[in-house]
C-alpha atoms as a PDB file:
ATOM      1  CA  MET A   1    -172.790-179.371 -79.030  1.00  0.00           C
ATOM      2  CA  SER A   2    -173.918-175.772 -79.258  1.00  0.00           C
ATOM      3  CA  GLU A   3    -172.423-173.125 -81.486  1.00  0.00           C
ATOM      4  CA  PRO A   4    -169.787-170.918 -79.857  1.00  0.00           C
ATOM      5  CA  THR A   5    -170.891-167.415 -78.998  1.00  0.00           C
ATOM      6  CA  PHE A   6    -167.671-165.921 -80.337  1.00  0.00           C
ATOM      7  CA  ASN A   7    -165.640-167.079 -83.334  1.00  0.00           C
ATOM      8  CA  TYR A   8    -162.905-164.592 -82.477  1.00  0.00           C
ATOM      9  CA  TYR A   9    -161.162-163.179 -79.428  1.00  0.00           C
ATOM     10  CA  PRO A  10    -163.880-160.940 -77.973  1.00  0.00           C
ATOM     11  CA  SER A  11    -163.303-157.536 -76.485  1.00  0.00           C
ATOM     12  CA  SER A  12    -164.813-156.649 -73.135  1.00  0.00           C
ATOM     13  CA  GLU A  13    -167.486-154.635 -74.951  1.00  0.00           C
ATOM     14  CA  ASP A  14    -168.468-157.684 -77.008  1.00  0.00           C
ATOM     15  CA  VAL A  15    -168.801-159.865 -73.917  1.00  0.00           C
ATOM     16  CA  LEU A  16    -170.864-157.263 -72.062  1.00  0.00           C
ATOM     17  CA  ASP A  17    -173.131-156.766 -75.083  1.00  0.00           C
ATOM     18  CA  VAL A  18    -173.819-160.501 -75.239  1.00  0.00           C
ATOM     19  CA  LEU A  19    -174.510-160.630 -71.498  1.00  0.00           C
ATOM     20  CA  GLU A  20    -176.933-157.721 -71.856  1.00  0.00           C
ATOM     21  CA  GLU A  21    -178.731-159.423 -74.757  1.00  0.00           C
ATOM     22  CA  LEU A  22    -179.020-162.712 -72.863  1.00  0.00           C
ATOM     23  CA  ALA A  23    -180.343-161.070 -69.709  1.00  0.00           C
ATOM     24  CA  GLN A  24    -182.838-159.004 -71.709  1.00  0.00           C
ATOM     25  CA  ALA A  25    -183.995-162.112 -73.588  1.00  0.00           C
ATOM     26  CA  GLU A  26    -184.493-163.971 -70.319  1.00  0.00           C
ATOM     27  CA  LEU A  27    -186.550-161.092 -68.895  1.00  0.00           C
ATOM     28  CA  GLU A  28    -188.742-161.130 -72.014  1.00  0.00           C
ATOM     29  CA  HIS A  29    -189.124-164.910 -71.709  1.00  0.00           C
ATOM     30  CA  LEU A  30    -190.226-164.518 -68.085  1.00  0.00           C
ATOM     31  CA  GLU A  31    -192.806-161.912 -69.103  1.00  0.00           C
ATOM     32  CA  ASP A  32    -194.131-164.174 -71.876  1.00  0.00           C
ATOM     33  CA  THR A  33    -194.365-167.093 -69.457  1.00  0.00           C
ATOM     34  CA  LYS A  34    -196.262-164.915 -66.998  1.00  0.00           C
ATOM     35  CA  ALA A  35    -198.654-163.663 -69.667  1.00  0.00           C
ATOM     36  CA  ASN A  36    -199.431-167.197 -70.827  1.00  0.00           C
ATOM     37  CA  GLY A  37    -200.097-168.903 -67.519  1.00  0.00           C
ATOM     38  CA  ILE A  38    -200.295-166.616 -64.497  1.00  0.00           C
ATOM     39  CA  LYS A  39    -203.902-167.523 -63.688  1.00  0.00           C
ATOM     40  CA  PHE A  40    -202.807-171.126 -63.055  1.00  0.00           C
ATOM     41  CA  TRP A  41    -199.763-170.301 -60.920  1.00  0.00           C
ATOM     42  CA  THR A  42    -199.393-171.271 -57.292  1.00  0.00           C
ATOM     43  CA  ASP A  43    -197.950-168.873 -54.738  1.00  0.00           C
ATOM     44  CA  THR A  44    -194.607-170.668 -55.020  1.00  0.00           C
ATOM     45  CA  GLN A  45    -194.511-170.197 -58.795  1.00  0.00           C
ATOM     46  CA  MET A  46    -195.383-166.519 -58.423  1.00  0.00           C
ATOM     47  CA  HIS A  47    -192.655-166.059 -55.827  1.00  0.00           C
ATOM     48  CA  THR A  48    -190.119-167.851 -58.073  1.00  0.00           C
ATOM     49  CA  TYR A  49    -191.105-165.585 -60.967  1.00  0.00           C
ATOM     50  CA  ASN A  50    -190.670-162.456 -58.835  1.00  0.00           C
ATOM     51  CA  VAL A  51    -187.271-163.566 -57.539  1.00  0.00           C
ATOM     52  CA  ARG A  52    -185.976-164.501 -61.009  1.00  0.00           C
ATOM     53  CA  LYS A  53    -187.255-161.238 -62.510  1.00  0.00           C
ATOM     54  CA  GLN A  54    -185.559-159.196 -59.791  1.00  0.00           C
ATOM     55  CA  MET A  55    -182.328-161.174 -60.182  1.00  0.00           C
ATOM     56  CA  TYR A  56    -182.192-160.557 -63.947  1.00  0.00           C
ATOM     57  CA  LYS A  57    -183.027-156.873 -63.516  1.00  0.00           C
ATOM     58  CA  LEU A  58    -180.202-156.462 -61.005  1.00  0.00           C
ATOM     59  CA  PHE A  59    -177.814-158.354 -63.284  1.00  0.00           C
ATOM     60  CA  LEU A  60    -178.839-156.196 -66.264  1.00  0.00           C
ATOM     61  CA  HIS A  61    -178.216-153.060 -64.210  1.00  0.00           C
ATOM     62  CA  LYS A  62    -174.765-154.364 -63.227  1.00  0.00           C
ATOM     63  CA  VAL A  63    -173.892-155.172 -66.861  1.00  0.00           C
ATOM     64  CA  LYS A  64    -174.865-151.650 -67.911  1.00  0.00           C
ATOM     65  CA  THR A  65    -172.677-150.271 -65.115  1.00  0.00           C
ATOM     66  CA  TRP A  66    -169.754-152.373 -66.392  1.00  0.00           C
ATOM     67  CA  GLN A  67    -170.371-151.109 -69.936  1.00  0.00           C
ATOM     68  CA  HIS A  68    -170.054-147.515 -68.725  1.00  0.00           C
ATOM     69  CA  GLU A  69    -166.881-148.366 -66.803  1.00  0.00           C
ATOM     70  CA  VAL A  70    -165.355-149.929 -69.934  1.00  0.00           C
ATOM     71  CA  GLU A  71    -166.264-146.846 -71.989  1.00  0.00           C
ATOM     72  CA  ARG A  72    -164.641-144.535 -69.420  1.00  0.00           C
ATOM     73  CA  ALA A  73    -161.540-146.742 -69.238  1.00  0.00           C
ATOM     74  CA  GLU A  74    -161.171-146.642 -73.028  1.00  0.00           C
ATOM     75  CA  ILE A  75    -161.482-142.858 -72.996  1.00  0.00           C
ATOM     76  CA  ARG A  76    -158.820-142.588 -70.283  1.00  0.00           C
ATOM     77  CA  ASP A  77    -156.580-144.968 -72.237  1.00  0.00           C
ATOM     78  CA  ASP A  78    -157.012-142.923 -75.429  1.00  0.00           C
ATOM     79  CA  ILE A  79    -156.191-139.712 -73.572  1.00  0.00           C
ATOM     80  CA  ALA A  80    -153.104-141.307 -72.019  1.00  0.00           C
ATOM     81  CA  ARG A  81    -151.917-142.571 -75.417  1.00  0.00           C
ATOM     82  CA  GLU A  82    -152.431-139.153 -77.002  1.00  0.00           C
ATOM     83  CA  GLY A  83    -150.506-137.532 -74.142  1.00  0.00           C
ATOM     84  CA  ALA A  84    -147.682-140.019 -74.576  1.00  0.00           C
ATOM     85  CA  GLN A  85    -147.311-139.040 -78.224  1.00  0.00           C
ATOM     86  CA  ASP A  86    -146.228-135.560 -77.138  1.00  0.00           C
ATOM     87  CA  TYR A  87    -142.959-136.971 -75.748  1.00  0.00           C
ATOM     88  CA  PRO A  88    -140.083-138.497 -77.689  1.00  0.00           C
ATOM     89  CA  SER A  89    -140.155-142.287 -77.862  1.00  0.00           C
ATOM     90  CA  TRP A  90    -136.542-142.865 -76.751  1.00  0.00           C
END
């Protein structure tokens, strides 16, 4: 059984950071695999490599977009909480 990724209740930022790291690691692994054996690849293997690389790049872009959305949501939440402190809490 593998080790759990989180030993605590993760925030959305933590989850997105892990997803980014995993996608980046997979892209690096694909590049290493290409560098080590591309001269022996068939057309099918080259096509599979290209598709997987594009898929991980798109996923990485989406994760970065989600990270920015989370940052903006936290800023809006902080602003709303600060604005709420101006009113009595009754």
